[in-house]
């Protein structure tokens, strides 16, 4: 893995979170594709000048988020679970688009409904544009 990870010792963000966020971004952006083997905890800790436990915490959080999987002695790898989640989200979006079309709701309103649901969990009523039951 030769992708640049930079830990800013002066940052108020803890080193494990800087590492977690940078690896998550690389996975999301597919800079680290599914199946990529990550460095061992010791190796990455030595490369970045971090404690092994710091790298371990970042890896555990990435694993809990479904971004990586650890295969025992074989090491940690970028998980296919994230790809499956994207595919599921894509199918749900297609289903939503079909419902919106069948209801005659225009694209801008449909996007407003989704944005409201994503930002605060409250859907916008297509009939009134007000928050509440959609």
C-alpha atoms as a PDB file:
ATOM      1  CA  UNK A   1       0.000   0.000   0.000  1.00  0.00           C
ATOM      2  CA  UNK A   2       1.826   3.087  -1.192  1.00  0.00           C
ATOM      3  CA  UNK A   3      -1.053   5.551  -0.866  1.00  0.00           C
ATOM      4  CA  UNK A   4      -0.006   8.574   1.160  1.00  0.00           C
ATOM      5  CA  UNK A   5      -1.352   8.577   4.701  1.00  0.00           C
ATOM      6  CA  UNK A   6      -0.377  11.694   6.593  1.00  0.00           C
ATOM      7  CA  UNK A   7      -0.800  11.997  10.339  1.00  0.00           C
ATOM      8  CA  UNK A   8      -0.666  15.564  11.637  1.00  0.00           C
ATOM      9  CA  UNK A   9       0.681  15.437  15.189  1.00  0.00           C
ATOM     10  CA  UNK A  10      -0.444  19.048  15.755  1.00  0.00           C
ATOM     11  CA  UNK A  11      -4.052  18.308  14.774  1.00  0.00           C
ATOM     12  CA  UNK A  12      -6.737  18.220  17.465  1.00  0.00           C
ATOM     13  CA  UNK A  13      -8.102  15.111  15.684  1.00  0.00           C
ATOM     14  CA  UNK A  14      -6.708  11.969  17.347  1.00  0.00           C
ATOM     15  CA  UNK A  15      -4.222  10.006  15.215  1.00  0.00           C
ATOM     16  CA  UNK A  16      -6.449   6.894  15.061  1.00  0.00           C
ATOM     17  CA  UNK A  17      -9.281   9.035  13.643  1.00  0.00           C
ATOM     18  CA  UNK A  18      -6.989  10.685  11.094  1.00  0.00           C
ATOM     19  CA  UNK A  19      -5.877   7.231   9.950  1.00  0.00           C
ATOM     20  CA  UNK A  20      -9.424   5.812   9.963  1.00  0.00           C
ATOM     21  CA  UNK A  21     -10.791   8.749   7.972  1.00  0.00           C
ATOM     22  CA  UNK A  22      -8.015   8.639   5.371  1.00  0.00           C
ATOM     23  CA  UNK A  23      -8.323   4.889   4.856  1.00  0.00           C
ATOM     24  CA  UNK A  24     -12.132   5.139   4.702  1.00  0.00           C
ATOM     25  CA  UNK A  25     -11.858   7.868   2.052  1.00  0.00           C
ATOM     26  CA  UNK A  26      -9.406   5.787   0.004  1.00  0.00           C
ATOM     27  CA  UNK A  27     -11.768   2.814   0.191  1.00  0.00           C
ATOM     28  CA  UNK A  28     -14.806   4.944  -0.680  1.00  0.00           C
ATOM     29  CA  UNK A  29     -12.978   6.547  -3.597  1.00  0.00           C
ATOM     30  CA  UNK A  30     -11.796   3.076  -4.675  1.00  0.00           C
ATOM     31  CA  UNK A  31      -8.161   4.103  -4.443  1.00  0.00           C
ATOM     32  CA  UNK A  32      -8.011   0.949  -2.317  1.00  0.00           C
ATOM     33  CA  UNK A  33     -10.161  -1.511  -4.286  1.00  0.00           C
ATOM     34  CA  UNK A  34     -11.994  -4.514  -2.851  1.00  0.00           C
ATOM     35  CA  UNK A  35      -9.541  -7.245  -1.921  1.00  0.00           C
ATOM     36  CA  UNK A  36      -6.583  -4.960  -1.291  1.00  0.00           C
ATOM     37  CA  UNK A  37      -4.466  -6.333   1.558  1.00  0.00           C
ATOM     38  CA  UNK A  38      -3.698  -3.678   4.155  1.00  0.00           C
ATOM     39  CA  UNK A  39      -0.353  -3.503   5.930  1.00  0.00           C
ATOM     40  CA  UNK A  40      -0.047  -5.314   9.234  1.00  0.00           C
ATOM     41  CA  UNK A  41      -0.691  -3.251  12.342  1.00  0.00           C
ATOM     42  CA  UNK A  42       2.998  -3.290  13.243  1.00  0.00           C
ATOM     43  CA  UNK A  43       4.136  -2.357   9.758  1.00  0.00           C
ATOM     44  CA  UNK A  44       1.723   0.569   9.369  1.00  0.00           C
ATOM     45  CA  UNK A  45       2.430   1.761  12.908  1.00  0.00           C
ATOM     46  CA  UNK A  46       6.164   1.761  12.187  1.00  0.00           C
ATOM     47  CA  UNK A  47       5.682   3.491   8.820  1.00  0.00           C
ATOM     48  CA  UNK A  48       3.537   6.241  10.356  1.00  0.00           C
ATOM     49  CA  UNK A  49       5.332   6.553  13.684  1.00  0.00           C
ATOM     50  CA  UNK A  50       2.228   5.502  15.613  1.00  0.00           C
ATOM     51  CA  UNK A  51       1.576   3.029  18.394  1.00  0.00           C
ATOM     52  CA  UNK A  52       0.347  -0.391  17.276  1.00  0.00           C
ATOM     53  CA  UNK A  53      -2.786   0.098  19.401  1.00  0.00           C
ATOM     54  CA  UNK A  54      -3.558   3.340  17.541  1.00  0.00           C
ATOM     55  CA  UNK A  55      -3.509   1.550  14.185  1.00  0.00           C
ATOM     56  CA  UNK A  56      -5.437  -1.328  15.737  1.00  0.00           C
ATOM     57  CA  UNK A  57      -8.215   1.002  16.843  1.00  0.00           C
ATOM     58  CA  UNK A  58      -8.486   2.516  13.356  1.00  0.00           C
ATOM     59  CA  UNK A  59      -8.656  -0.979  11.810  1.00  0.00           C
ATOM     60  CA  UNK A  60     -11.304  -2.109  14.345  1.00  0.00           C
ATOM     61  CA  UNK A  61     -13.477   0.902  13.525  1.00  0.00           C
ATOM     62  CA  UNK A  62     -13.085   0.295   9.790  1.00  0.00           C
ATOM     63  CA  UNK A  63     -14.047  -3.333  10.329  1.00  0.00           C
ATOM     64  CA  UNK A  64     -17.086  -2.361  12.410  1.00  0.00           C
ATOM     65  CA  UNK A  65     -18.156  -0.074   9.542  1.00  0.00           C
ATOM     66  CA  UNK A  66     -17.856  -2.971   7.084  1.00  0.00           C
ATOM     67  CA  UNK A  67     -15.027  -1.353   5.142  1.00  0.00           C
ATOM     68  CA  UNK A  68     -12.377  -3.951   5.924  1.00  0.00           C
ATOM     69  CA  UNK A  69     -12.331  -7.540   7.118  1.00  0.00           C
ATOM     70  CA  UNK A  70      -9.668  -9.362   9.052  1.00  0.00           C
ATOM     71  CA  UNK A  71      -8.922 -12.926   8.006  1.00  0.00           C
ATOM     72  CA  UNK A  72      -6.880 -14.083  10.976  1.00  0.00           C
ATOM     73  CA  UNK A  73      -3.202 -14.584  10.195  1.00  0.00           C
ATOM     74  CA  UNK A  74      -3.825 -13.727   6.514  1.00  0.00           C
ATOM     75  CA  UNK A  75      -4.294 -10.078   7.475  1.00  0.00           C
ATOM     76  CA  UNK A  76      -6.800  -7.302   6.855  1.00  0.00           C
ATOM     77  CA  UNK A  77      -8.374  -6.655   3.470  1.00  0.00           C
ATOM     78  CA  UNK A  78     -10.721  -4.118   1.902  1.00  0.00           C
ATOM     79  CA  UNK A  79     -14.118  -5.738   2.239  1.00  0.00           C
ATOM     80  CA  UNK A  80     -16.574  -6.525  -0.526  1.00  0.00           C
ATOM     81  CA  UNK A  81     -19.313  -5.673   1.982  1.00  0.00           C
ATOM     82  CA  UNK A  82     -19.112  -2.030   0.984  1.00  0.00           C
ATOM     83  CA  UNK A  83     -19.718  -2.923  -2.663  1.00  0.00           C
ATOM     84  CA  UNK A  84     -22.731  -4.998  -1.637  1.00  0.00           C
ATOM     85  CA  UNK A  85     -24.049  -2.015   0.336  1.00  0.00           C
ATOM     86  CA  UNK A  86     -23.666   0.232  -2.708  1.00  0.00           C
ATOM     87  CA  UNK A  87     -25.518  -2.271  -4.858  1.00  0.00           C
ATOM     88  CA  UNK A  88     -28.316  -2.484  -2.288  1.00  0.00           C
ATOM     89  CA  UNK A  89     -28.552   1.309  -2.140  1.00  0.00           C
ATOM     90  CA  UNK A  90     -28.659   1.457  -5.934  1.00  0.00           C
ATOM     91  CA  UNK A  91     -31.541  -1.038  -6.037  1.00  0.00           C
ATOM     92  CA  UNK A  92     -33.399   0.925  -3.335  1.00  0.00           C
ATOM     93  CA  UNK A  93     -32.896   4.140  -5.326  1.00  0.00           C
ATOM     94  CA  UNK A  94     -34.294   2.479  -8.449  1.00  0.00           C
ATOM     95  CA  UNK A  95     -37.314   1.273  -6.469  1.00  0.00           C
ATOM     96  CA  UNK A  96     -37.810   4.766  -5.032  1.00  0.00           C
ATOM     97  CA  UNK A  97     -37.584   6.309  -8.498  1.00  0.00           C
ATOM     98  CA  UNK A  98     -40.255   3.920  -9.747  1.00  0.00           C
ATOM     99  CA  UNK A  99     -42.573   4.836  -6.849  1.00  0.00           C
ATOM    100  CA  UNK A 100     -41.979   8.564  -7.418  1.00  0.00           C
ATOM    101  CA  UNK A 101     -42.778   8.191 -11.125  1.00  0.00           C
ATOM    102  CA  UNK A 102     -45.952   6.227 -10.384  1.00  0.00           C
ATOM    103  CA  UNK A 103     -47.100   8.957  -7.977  1.00  0.00           C
ATOM    104  CA  UNK A 104     -46.386  11.739 -10.455  1.00  0.00           C
ATOM    105  CA  UNK A 105     -43.957  13.519  -8.118  1.00  0.00           C
ATOM    106  CA  UNK A 106     -41.386  15.636  -9.926  1.00  0.00           C
ATOM    107  CA  UNK A 107     -37.633  15.082  -9.569  1.00  0.00           C
ATOM    108  CA  UNK A 108     -36.959  18.178  -7.451  1.00  0.00           C
ATOM    109  CA  UNK A 109     -39.640  17.193  -4.943  1.00  0.00           C
ATOM    110  CA  UNK A 110     -38.359  13.619  -4.842  1.00  0.00           C
ATOM    111  CA  UNK A 111     -34.864  14.845  -4.080  1.00  0.00           C
ATOM    112  CA  UNK A 112     -36.198  17.160  -1.354  1.00  0.00           C
ATOM    113  CA  UNK A 113     -37.955  14.201   0.247  1.00  0.00           C
ATOM    114  CA  UNK A 114     -34.776  12.126   0.214  1.00  0.00           C
ATOM    115  CA  UNK A 115     -32.636  15.002   1.486  1.00  0.00           C
ATOM    116  CA  UNK A 116     -35.023  15.576   4.407  1.00  0.00           C
ATOM    117  CA  UNK A 117     -35.048  11.877   5.243  1.00  0.00           C
ATOM    118  CA  UNK A 118     -31.250  11.686   5.149  1.00  0.00           C
ATOM    119  CA  UNK A 119     -30.573  14.825   7.156  1.00  0.00           C
ATOM    120  CA  UNK A 120     -33.034  14.460   9.978  1.00  0.00           C
ATOM    121  CA  UNK A 121     -35.018  11.308   9.509  1.00  0.00           C
ATOM    122  CA  UNK A 122     -38.209  13.252   8.854  1.00  0.00           C
ATOM    123  CA  UNK A 123     -39.722  12.834   5.436  1.00  0.00           C
ATOM    124  CA  UNK A 124     -41.339  15.775   3.660  1.00  0.00           C
ATOM    125  CA  UNK A 125     -44.968  15.360   2.695  1.00  0.00           C
ATOM    126  CA  UNK A 126     -45.268  15.403  -1.106  1.00  0.00           C
ATOM    127  CA  UNK A 127     -48.735  16.913  -0.814  1.00  0.00           C
ATOM    128  CA  UNK A 128     -47.837  19.867   1.386  1.00  0.00           C
ATOM    129  CA  UNK A 129     -44.048  20.106   1.343  1.00  0.00           C
ATOM    130  CA  UNK A 130     -44.216  20.134   5.142  1.00  0.00           C
ATOM    131  CA  UNK A 131     -42.245  17.832   7.398  1.00  0.00           C
ATOM    132  CA  UNK A 132     -44.251  14.917   8.654  1.00  0.00           C
ATOM    133  CA  UNK A 133     -45.519  11.670   7.278  1.00  0.00           C
ATOM    134  CA  UNK A 134     -44.690  11.197   3.619  1.00  0.00           C
END
